[in-house]
Amino acid sequence: MSHTTGTRPTPVPTVRVRWAWHWGASLILLATAAVLLTVYEGLPDPYPMHHSLTGVADGFASKGHVVVFLPTVIGAVLVGALAATNTVLARSLRTRSERPVGRYDHLDLTGKSTPESVAALGPVNLLLAVILSGVSLLPVIGPLAGTGMIWGGIALLIAVIAVQSVRARRQQHS
């Protein structure tokens, strides 16, 4: 006995992954790693590991490559994961109308995704790279510039999410 009830009525517009955002995020993190490699010998030991909201160091650890590069490595993993998620969601949205309606709908990753929300993953990825780059470079560029990168990236990230939320609401009501 089949549990399908037909096909989905309306096709979703084609969603393309905008790779420039993801490549830009990767380049930001590569540039951060290059700067850290260049200035590694001049970095303080003990190395500042935690900073207050104003950028003042309040936690320290012995300087080592793992300690210095950890925020950059975390950023690289996040950039890769968001790029992969963007690719999977875009492909899934493209093929949603071709899949039959049935008992596996609860596994559909795109159940509440819209082309706009999938497209927003690129700018979000870039802003996360800027934030983690600011965290990585805080001991190098100083508290003022570092916290500026971090808080500026967070503010822009909130703005992107707010704009996407408003667009999604408007689309639901129209």
N, C-alpha and C. Protein backbone atom coordinates (compact mmCIF):
# COMPACT_ATOMS: atom_id res chain seq x y z
N MET A 1 0.83 -1.18 0.00
CA MET A 1 0.00 0.00 0.00
C MET A 1 0.89 1.25 0.00
N SER A 2 0.61 2.15 -0.87
CA SER A 2 1.41 3.37 -0.99
C SER A 2 0.83 4.45 -0.09
N HIS A 3 1.70 5.21 0.52
CA HIS A 3 1.26 6.30 1.39
C HIS A 3 1.36 7.65 0.70
N THR A 4 1.62 7.66 -0.59
CA THR A 4 1.73 8.94 -1.29
C THR A 4 0.35 9.39 -1.73
N THR A 5 0.17 10.68 -1.76
CA THR A 5 -1.13 11.24 -2.14
C THR A 5 -1.03 12.12 -3.38
N GLY A 6 0.05 12.07 -4.09
CA GLY A 6 0.22 12.89 -5.28
C GLY A 6 1.50 13.67 -5.22
N THR A 7 1.62 14.63 -6.12
CA THR A 7 2.81 15.47 -6.13
C THR A 7 2.46 16.83 -5.56
N ARG A 8 3.47 17.57 -5.29
CA ARG A 8 3.27 18.90 -4.72
C ARG A 8 2.76 19.84 -5.81
N PRO A 9 1.84 20.72 -5.44
CA PRO A 9 1.17 21.52 -6.46
C PRO A 9 2.01 22.59 -7.13
N THR A 10 2.85 23.29 -6.39
CA THR A 10 3.56 24.42 -6.99
C THR A 10 5.06 24.22 -6.90
N PRO A 11 5.75 24.36 -8.02
CA PRO A 11 7.21 24.26 -7.96
C PRO A 11 7.81 25.49 -7.28
N VAL A 12 8.92 25.27 -6.64
CA VAL A 12 9.64 26.35 -5.96
C VAL A 12 10.62 26.96 -6.97
N PRO A 13 10.78 28.29 -6.96
CA PRO A 13 11.75 28.89 -7.87
C PRO A 13 13.15 28.32 -7.64
N THR A 14 13.93 28.32 -8.70
CA THR A 14 15.29 27.80 -8.62
C THR A 14 16.11 28.60 -7.61
N VAL A 15 16.81 27.88 -6.77
CA VAL A 15 17.66 28.51 -5.77
C VAL A 15 19.10 28.16 -6.10
N ARG A 16 19.91 29.18 -6.27
CA ARG A 16 21.33 28.95 -6.54
C ARG A 16 22.14 29.33 -5.33
N VAL A 17 23.15 28.54 -5.08
CA VAL A 17 24.08 28.86 -4.00
C VAL A 17 24.99 29.97 -4.50
N ARG A 18 25.06 31.05 -3.77
CA ARG A 18 25.94 32.16 -4.14
C ARG A 18 27.29 31.92 -3.48
N TRP A 19 28.16 31.29 -4.23
CA TRP A 19 29.44 30.84 -3.68
C TRP A 19 30.37 31.99 -3.32
N ALA A 20 30.17 33.16 -3.87
CA ALA A 20 31.05 34.29 -3.56
C ALA A 20 31.06 34.58 -2.06
N TRP A 21 29.89 34.46 -1.40
CA TRP A 21 29.83 34.69 0.04
C TRP A 21 30.68 33.67 0.80
N HIS A 22 30.57 32.41 0.40
CA HIS A 22 31.30 31.35 1.10
C HIS A 22 32.80 31.45 0.83
N TRP A 23 33.16 31.75 -0.42
CA TRP A 23 34.59 31.93 -0.74
C TRP A 23 35.14 33.15 -0.02
N GLY A 24 34.36 34.21 0.09
CA GLY A 24 34.79 35.39 0.84
C GLY A 24 35.05 35.07 2.30
N ALA A 25 34.15 34.27 2.89
CA ALA A 25 34.35 33.85 4.29
C ALA A 25 35.62 33.03 4.42
N SER A 26 35.86 32.15 3.47
CA SER A 26 37.08 31.33 3.50
C SER A 26 38.33 32.20 3.38
N LEU A 27 38.29 33.20 2.50
CA LEU A 27 39.44 34.09 2.32
C LEU A 27 39.72 34.92 3.57
N ILE A 28 38.66 35.35 4.25
CA ILE A 28 38.84 36.10 5.50
C ILE A 28 39.58 35.24 6.52
N LEU A 29 39.17 33.99 6.64
CA LEU A 29 39.81 33.09 7.61
C LEU A 29 41.23 32.73 7.20
N LEU A 30 41.47 32.57 5.89
CA LEU A 30 42.84 32.31 5.42
C LEU A 30 43.74 33.51 5.70
N ALA A 31 43.22 34.72 5.47
CA ALA A 31 44.01 35.92 5.76
C ALA A 31 44.29 36.03 7.26
N THR A 32 43.31 35.66 8.08
CA THR A 32 43.51 35.67 9.53
C THR A 32 44.62 34.70 9.93
N ALA A 33 44.58 33.49 9.35
CA ALA A 33 45.61 32.49 9.65
C ALA A 33 46.98 32.98 9.20
N ALA A 34 47.04 33.64 8.04
CA ALA A 34 48.32 34.17 7.54
C ALA A 34 48.87 35.24 8.48
N VAL A 35 48.02 36.13 8.95
CA VAL A 35 48.46 37.17 9.89
C VAL A 35 48.96 36.53 11.18
N LEU A 36 48.21 35.56 11.69
CA LEU A 36 48.62 34.90 12.94
C LEU A 36 49.95 34.16 12.77
N LEU A 37 50.15 33.52 11.61
CA LEU A 37 51.44 32.85 11.36
C LEU A 37 52.58 33.85 11.30
N THR A 38 52.31 34.99 10.69
CA THR A 38 53.35 36.02 10.54
C THR A 38 53.77 36.60 11.88
N VAL A 39 52.84 36.83 12.76
CA VAL A 39 53.16 37.50 14.03
C VAL A 39 53.25 36.52 15.21
N TYR A 40 53.23 35.23 14.94
CA TYR A 40 53.17 34.23 16.01
C TYR A 40 54.28 34.41 17.05
N GLU A 41 55.51 34.62 16.60
CA GLU A 41 56.64 34.74 17.54
C GLU A 41 56.50 35.95 18.45
N GLY A 42 55.86 37.00 17.97
CA GLY A 42 55.71 38.22 18.77
C GLY A 42 54.49 38.23 19.68
N LEU A 43 53.66 37.19 19.62
CA LEU A 43 52.47 37.15 20.47
C LEU A 43 52.87 36.90 21.92
N PRO A 44 52.10 37.45 22.84
CA PRO A 44 52.47 37.32 24.26
C PRO A 44 52.31 35.89 24.77
N ASP A 45 53.14 35.58 25.76
CA ASP A 45 53.02 34.31 26.47
C ASP A 45 53.03 34.64 27.95
N PRO A 46 51.99 34.44 28.70
CA PRO A 46 50.77 33.71 28.42
C PRO A 46 49.86 34.45 27.43
N TYR A 47 49.18 33.65 26.62
CA TYR A 47 48.32 34.15 25.55
C TYR A 47 46.92 34.44 26.08
N PRO A 48 46.36 35.61 25.74
CA PRO A 48 45.00 35.92 26.21
C PRO A 48 43.96 35.03 25.51
N MET A 49 43.24 34.26 26.31
CA MET A 49 42.26 33.31 25.77
C MET A 49 40.83 33.81 25.86
N HIS A 50 40.56 34.67 26.80
CA HIS A 50 39.21 35.16 26.99
C HIS A 50 39.26 36.66 27.21
N HIS A 51 38.27 37.34 26.65
CA HIS A 51 38.21 38.79 26.77
C HIS A 51 36.84 39.19 27.29
N SER A 52 36.79 40.29 28.03
CA SER A 52 35.51 40.81 28.49
C SER A 52 34.77 41.45 27.32
N LEU A 53 33.58 41.94 27.56
CA LEU A 53 32.81 42.57 26.50
C LEU A 53 33.49 43.81 25.94
N THR A 54 34.38 44.42 26.69
CA THR A 54 35.08 45.61 26.23
C THR A 54 36.41 45.29 25.56
N GLY A 55 36.78 44.00 25.51
CA GLY A 55 38.02 43.60 24.85
C GLY A 55 39.20 43.46 25.77
N VAL A 56 39.02 43.61 27.08
CA VAL A 56 40.11 43.47 28.03
C VAL A 56 40.31 41.99 28.33
N ALA A 57 41.55 41.52 28.22
CA ALA A 57 41.84 40.11 28.48
C ALA A 57 41.63 39.78 29.94
N ASP A 58 40.89 38.69 30.20
CA ASP A 58 40.66 38.27 31.58
C ASP A 58 40.84 36.76 31.77
N GLY A 59 41.40 36.09 30.77
CA GLY A 59 41.71 34.67 30.87
C GLY A 59 42.94 34.38 30.01
N PHE A 60 43.88 33.60 30.52
CA PHE A 60 45.14 33.38 29.81
C PHE A 60 45.48 31.89 29.77
N ALA A 61 46.31 31.51 28.76
CA ALA A 61 46.81 30.14 28.64
C ALA A 61 48.21 30.21 28.05
N SER A 62 48.95 29.14 28.19
CA SER A 62 50.28 29.08 27.59
C SER A 62 50.16 29.19 26.07
N LYS A 63 51.03 29.99 25.48
CA LYS A 63 50.96 30.18 24.03
C LYS A 63 51.33 28.88 23.33
N GLY A 64 50.53 28.49 22.39
CA GLY A 64 50.78 27.33 21.57
C GLY A 64 49.96 27.46 20.29
N HIS A 65 50.32 26.69 19.28
CA HIS A 65 49.62 26.79 18.01
C HIS A 65 48.13 26.48 18.15
N VAL A 66 47.81 25.49 18.96
CA VAL A 66 46.40 25.12 19.14
C VAL A 66 45.63 26.28 19.77
N VAL A 67 46.21 26.89 20.79
CA VAL A 67 45.54 27.99 21.49
C VAL A 67 45.37 29.19 20.56
N VAL A 68 46.38 29.52 19.80
CA VAL A 68 46.34 30.70 18.94
C VAL A 68 45.39 30.51 17.76
N PHE A 69 45.40 29.33 17.17
CA PHE A 69 44.62 29.10 15.95
C PHE A 69 43.23 28.51 16.19
N LEU A 70 42.86 28.23 17.43
CA LEU A 70 41.58 27.59 17.71
C LEU A 70 40.37 28.36 17.16
N PRO A 71 40.25 29.68 17.39
CA PRO A 71 39.08 30.38 16.82
C PRO A 71 39.05 30.34 15.29
N THR A 72 40.21 30.36 14.67
CA THR A 72 40.27 30.29 13.20
C THR A 72 39.85 28.91 12.71
N VAL A 73 40.28 27.87 13.40
CA VAL A 73 39.89 26.51 13.01
C VAL A 73 38.38 26.32 13.21
N ILE A 74 37.85 26.80 14.33
CA ILE A 74 36.41 26.74 14.56
C ILE A 74 35.67 27.48 13.44
N GLY A 75 36.18 28.64 13.06
CA GLY A 75 35.59 29.40 11.95
C GLY A 75 35.61 28.62 10.65
N ALA A 76 36.72 27.94 10.36
CA ALA A 76 36.81 27.17 9.12
C ALA A 76 35.79 26.03 9.11
N VAL A 77 35.62 25.37 10.26
CA VAL A 77 34.63 24.29 10.35
C VAL A 77 33.23 24.85 10.15
N LEU A 78 32.92 25.99 10.77
CA LEU A 78 31.60 26.61 10.60
C LEU A 78 31.35 27.05 9.16
N VAL A 79 32.36 27.63 8.53
CA VAL A 79 32.21 28.06 7.13
C VAL A 79 31.92 26.86 6.23
N GLY A 80 32.66 25.78 6.44
CA GLY A 80 32.42 24.57 5.66
C GLY A 80 31.04 23.98 5.91
N ALA A 81 30.63 23.95 7.18
CA ALA A 81 29.32 23.39 7.52
C ALA A 81 28.18 24.23 6.94
N LEU A 82 28.30 25.56 7.01
CA LEU A 82 27.25 26.41 6.45
C LEU A 82 27.21 26.34 4.93
N ALA A 83 28.36 26.23 4.29
CA ALA A 83 28.38 26.09 2.83
C ALA A 83 27.74 24.75 2.42
N ALA A 84 28.03 23.69 3.16
CA ALA A 84 27.42 22.39 2.87
C ALA A 84 25.92 22.43 3.11
N THR A 85 25.49 23.06 4.20
CA THR A 85 24.07 23.19 4.49
C THR A 85 23.37 23.99 3.40
N ASN A 86 23.99 25.06 2.96
CA ASN A 86 23.42 25.88 1.89
C ASN A 86 23.24 25.06 0.62
N THR A 87 24.24 24.24 0.29
CA THR A 87 24.16 23.41 -0.91
C THR A 87 23.04 22.38 -0.80
N VAL A 88 22.97 21.70 0.34
CA VAL A 88 21.93 20.67 0.54
C VAL A 88 20.54 21.28 0.50
N LEU A 89 20.34 22.40 1.18
CA LEU A 89 19.02 23.04 1.18
C LEU A 89 18.63 23.54 -0.21
N ALA A 90 19.57 24.11 -0.94
CA ALA A 90 19.27 24.59 -2.29
C ALA A 90 18.87 23.42 -3.20
N ARG A 91 19.59 22.32 -3.14
CA ARG A 91 19.24 21.14 -3.95
C ARG A 91 17.91 20.56 -3.52
N SER A 92 17.67 20.53 -2.23
CA SER A 92 16.42 19.97 -1.73
C SER A 92 15.23 20.84 -2.14
N LEU A 93 15.39 22.15 -2.10
CA LEU A 93 14.32 23.04 -2.56
C LEU A 93 14.03 22.84 -4.04
N ARG A 94 15.09 22.67 -4.84
CA ARG A 94 14.90 22.48 -6.28
C ARG A 94 14.10 21.23 -6.60
N THR A 95 14.30 20.18 -5.82
CA THR A 95 13.65 18.91 -6.13
C THR A 95 12.39 18.68 -5.31
N ARG A 96 11.99 19.64 -4.48
CA ARG A 96 10.81 19.45 -3.62
C ARG A 96 9.56 19.16 -4.45
N SER A 97 9.33 19.91 -5.52
CA SER A 97 8.10 19.73 -6.30
C SER A 97 8.08 18.38 -7.02
N GLU A 98 9.24 17.76 -7.23
CA GLU A 98 9.28 16.48 -7.93
C GLU A 98 9.04 15.31 -6.99
N ARG A 99 9.21 15.52 -5.69
CA ARG A 99 9.04 14.43 -4.74
C ARG A 99 7.57 14.23 -4.43
N PRO A 100 7.14 12.99 -4.34
CA PRO A 100 5.73 12.76 -4.00
C PRO A 100 5.43 13.13 -2.55
N VAL A 101 4.21 13.53 -2.31
CA VAL A 101 3.76 13.81 -0.96
C VAL A 101 3.57 12.45 -0.28
N GLY A 102 4.10 12.30 0.90
CA GLY A 102 3.95 10.99 1.52
C GLY A 102 4.44 10.94 2.94
N ARG A 103 4.71 9.73 3.37
CA ARG A 103 5.00 9.50 4.77
C ARG A 103 6.37 9.98 5.21
N TYR A 104 7.24 10.37 4.29
CA TYR A 104 8.56 10.84 4.66
C TYR A 104 8.67 12.36 4.67
N ASP A 105 7.55 13.03 4.62
CA ASP A 105 7.57 14.49 4.62
C ASP A 105 8.20 15.07 5.89
N HIS A 106 8.12 14.36 6.99
CA HIS A 106 8.71 14.87 8.23
C HIS A 106 10.24 14.89 8.15
N LEU A 107 10.80 14.21 7.17
CA LEU A 107 12.25 14.23 6.99
C LEU A 107 12.69 15.31 6.00
N ASP A 108 11.74 16.03 5.43
CA ASP A 108 12.04 17.06 4.43
C ASP A 108 12.72 18.24 5.11
N LEU A 109 13.99 18.46 4.76
CA LEU A 109 14.76 19.56 5.35
C LEU A 109 14.20 20.92 4.96
N THR A 110 13.48 20.97 3.86
CA THR A 110 13.03 22.25 3.32
C THR A 110 11.58 22.53 3.64
N GLY A 111 11.01 21.83 4.60
CA GLY A 111 9.60 22.00 4.92
C GLY A 111 9.22 23.45 5.19
N LYS A 112 10.06 24.19 5.88
CA LYS A 112 9.76 25.59 6.18
C LYS A 112 10.78 26.54 5.55
N SER A 113 11.65 26.01 4.73
CA SER A 113 12.66 26.84 4.08
C SER A 113 12.06 27.55 2.88
N THR A 114 12.52 28.76 2.67
CA THR A 114 12.14 29.52 1.48
C THR A 114 13.41 29.83 0.70
N PRO A 115 13.28 30.15 -0.58
CA PRO A 115 14.49 30.52 -1.33
C PRO A 115 15.26 31.68 -0.68
N GLU A 116 14.52 32.61 -0.07
CA GLU A 116 15.18 33.76 0.57
C GLU A 116 15.98 33.33 1.79
N SER A 117 15.42 32.40 2.58
CA SER A 117 16.14 31.98 3.79
C SER A 117 17.37 31.17 3.42
N VAL A 118 17.29 30.41 2.34
CA VAL A 118 18.46 29.65 1.89
C VAL A 118 19.52 30.60 1.33
N ALA A 119 19.09 31.63 0.61
CA ALA A 119 20.03 32.61 0.06
C ALA A 119 20.72 33.41 1.15
N ALA A 120 20.08 33.56 2.32
CA ALA A 120 20.67 34.35 3.41
C ALA A 120 21.83 33.63 4.08
N LEU A 121 22.00 32.33 3.84
CA LEU A 121 23.09 31.61 4.50
C LEU A 121 24.47 32.10 4.05
N GLY A 122 24.59 32.61 2.83
CA GLY A 122 25.86 33.14 2.36
C GLY A 122 26.33 34.34 3.16
N PRO A 123 25.50 35.40 3.26
CA PRO A 123 25.91 36.55 4.09
C PRO A 123 26.12 36.19 5.55
N VAL A 124 25.31 35.28 6.09
CA VAL A 124 25.50 34.85 7.47
C VAL A 124 26.87 34.20 7.62
N ASN A 125 27.26 33.39 6.66
CA ASN A 125 28.55 32.72 6.70
C ASN A 125 29.69 33.74 6.70
N LEU A 126 29.59 34.74 5.84
CA LEU A 126 30.63 35.77 5.77
C LEU A 126 30.72 36.54 7.09
N LEU A 127 29.58 36.88 7.67
CA LEU A 127 29.60 37.63 8.93
C LEU A 127 30.15 36.80 10.08
N LEU A 128 29.86 35.50 10.10
CA LEU A 128 30.45 34.63 11.12
C LEU A 128 31.97 34.58 10.97
N ALA A 129 32.45 34.58 9.74
CA ALA A 129 33.90 34.59 9.51
C ALA A 129 34.51 35.89 10.02
N VAL A 130 33.83 37.01 9.81
CA VAL A 130 34.34 38.30 10.31
C VAL A 130 34.38 38.30 11.84
N ILE A 131 33.34 37.77 12.47
CA ILE A 131 33.29 37.73 13.94
C ILE A 131 34.43 36.86 14.48
N LEU A 132 34.60 35.67 13.93
CA LEU A 132 35.65 34.77 14.43
C LEU A 132 37.05 35.27 14.08
N SER A 133 37.15 36.01 12.98
CA SER A 133 38.43 36.63 12.66
C SER A 133 38.76 37.70 13.69
N GLY A 134 37.75 38.48 14.10
CA GLY A 134 37.97 39.48 15.15
C GLY A 134 38.39 38.85 16.46
N VAL A 135 37.78 37.70 16.78
CA VAL A 135 38.16 36.99 18.01
C VAL A 135 39.61 36.52 17.91
N SER A 136 39.99 35.97 16.76
CA SER A 136 41.35 35.47 16.56
C SER A 136 42.38 36.58 16.62
N LEU A 137 42.05 37.72 16.03
CA LEU A 137 43.03 38.81 15.90
C LEU A 137 43.01 39.79 17.06
N LEU A 138 42.15 39.59 18.02
CA LEU A 138 42.05 40.53 19.15
C LEU A 138 43.40 40.82 19.81
N PRO A 139 44.23 39.79 20.11
CA PRO A 139 45.53 40.10 20.72
C PRO A 139 46.49 40.79 19.76
N VAL A 140 46.25 40.69 18.46
CA VAL A 140 47.16 41.26 17.47
C VAL A 140 46.82 42.71 17.16
N ILE A 141 45.54 42.98 16.90
CA ILE A 141 45.14 44.33 16.46
C ILE A 141 44.67 45.22 17.58
N GLY A 142 44.55 44.66 18.77
CA GLY A 142 44.17 45.47 19.92
C GLY A 142 42.69 45.39 20.23
N PRO A 143 42.34 45.79 21.45
CA PRO A 143 40.95 45.64 21.89
C PRO A 143 39.96 46.51 21.13
N LEU A 144 40.35 47.71 20.73
CA LEU A 144 39.40 48.59 20.05
C LEU A 144 39.00 48.04 18.69
N ALA A 145 39.99 47.70 17.87
CA ALA A 145 39.70 47.18 16.54
C ALA A 145 39.07 45.79 16.60
N GLY A 146 39.57 44.96 17.51
CA GLY A 146 39.05 43.60 17.63
C GLY A 146 37.59 43.58 18.05
N THR A 147 37.26 44.34 19.09
CA THR A 147 35.87 44.37 19.53
C THR A 147 34.99 45.05 18.50
N GLY A 148 35.55 45.99 17.75
CA GLY A 148 34.79 46.61 16.66
C GLY A 148 34.41 45.59 15.60
N MET A 149 35.36 44.72 15.25
CA MET A 149 35.05 43.66 14.28
C MET A 149 34.00 42.71 14.83
N ILE A 150 34.15 42.33 16.08
CA ILE A 150 33.22 41.37 16.69
C ILE A 150 31.81 41.95 16.80
N TRP A 151 31.69 43.12 17.44
CA TRP A 151 30.37 43.70 17.64
C TRP A 151 29.75 44.20 16.34
N GLY A 152 30.57 44.69 15.43
CA GLY A 152 30.06 45.09 14.11
C GLY A 152 29.51 43.89 13.35
N GLY A 153 30.24 42.79 13.40
CA GLY A 153 29.76 41.57 12.74
C GLY A 153 28.48 41.06 13.36
N ILE A 154 28.39 41.11 14.70
CA ILE A 154 27.17 40.66 15.38
C ILE A 154 25.99 41.55 15.00
N ALA A 155 26.21 42.87 14.96
CA ALA A 155 25.13 43.79 14.60
C ALA A 155 24.65 43.54 13.17
N LEU A 156 25.58 43.34 12.25
CA LEU A 156 25.19 43.05 10.87
C LEU A 156 24.49 41.71 10.75
N LEU A 157 24.93 40.73 11.52
CA LEU A 157 24.30 39.42 11.53
C LEU A 157 22.85 39.52 11.99
N ILE A 158 22.61 40.28 13.05
CA ILE A 158 21.25 40.49 13.54
C ILE A 158 20.42 41.22 12.48
N ALA A 159 21.02 42.19 11.80
CA ALA A 159 20.30 42.91 10.75
C ALA A 159 19.91 41.99 9.60
N VAL A 160 20.80 41.11 9.18
CA VAL A 160 20.48 40.18 8.09
C VAL A 160 19.34 39.26 8.50
N ILE A 161 19.40 38.75 9.71
CA ILE A 161 18.34 37.85 10.19
C ILE A 161 17.01 38.60 10.30
N ALA A 162 17.03 39.84 10.78
CA ALA A 162 15.80 40.63 10.90
C ALA A 162 15.19 40.91 9.52
N VAL A 163 16.02 41.28 8.56
CA VAL A 163 15.52 41.56 7.21
C VAL A 163 14.91 40.30 6.60
N GLN A 164 15.57 39.16 6.77
CA GLN A 164 15.02 37.91 6.22
C GLN A 164 13.72 37.53 6.90
N SER A 165 13.60 37.79 8.20
CA SER A 165 12.36 37.50 8.91
C SER A 165 11.21 38.36 8.41
N VAL A 166 11.47 39.65 8.20
CA VAL A 166 10.44 40.56 7.70
C VAL A 166 10.02 40.13 6.29
N ARG A 167 10.98 39.78 5.44
CA ARG A 167 10.64 39.33 4.08
C ARG A 167 9.79 38.08 4.12
N ALA A 168 10.13 37.14 4.99
CA ALA A 168 9.36 35.91 5.08
C ALA A 168 7.94 36.18 5.55
N ARG A 169 7.78 37.07 6.52
CA ARG A 169 6.43 37.43 7.01
C ARG A 169 5.61 38.07 5.90
N ARG A 170 6.22 38.97 5.17
CA ARG A 170 5.50 39.65 4.08
C ARG A 170 5.06 38.66 3.01
N GLN A 171 5.92 37.68 2.71
CA GLN A 171 5.56 36.68 1.72
C GLN A 171 4.43 35.80 2.20
N GLN A 172 4.39 35.48 3.49
CA GLN A 172 3.31 34.66 4.03
C GLN A 172 1.98 35.36 3.95
N HIS A 173 1.97 36.68 4.13
CA HIS A 173 0.72 37.44 4.14
C HIS A 173 0.27 37.88 2.76
N SER A 174 1.12 37.71 1.77
CA SER A 174 0.70 38.15 0.42
C SER A 174 0.32 36.98 -0.46
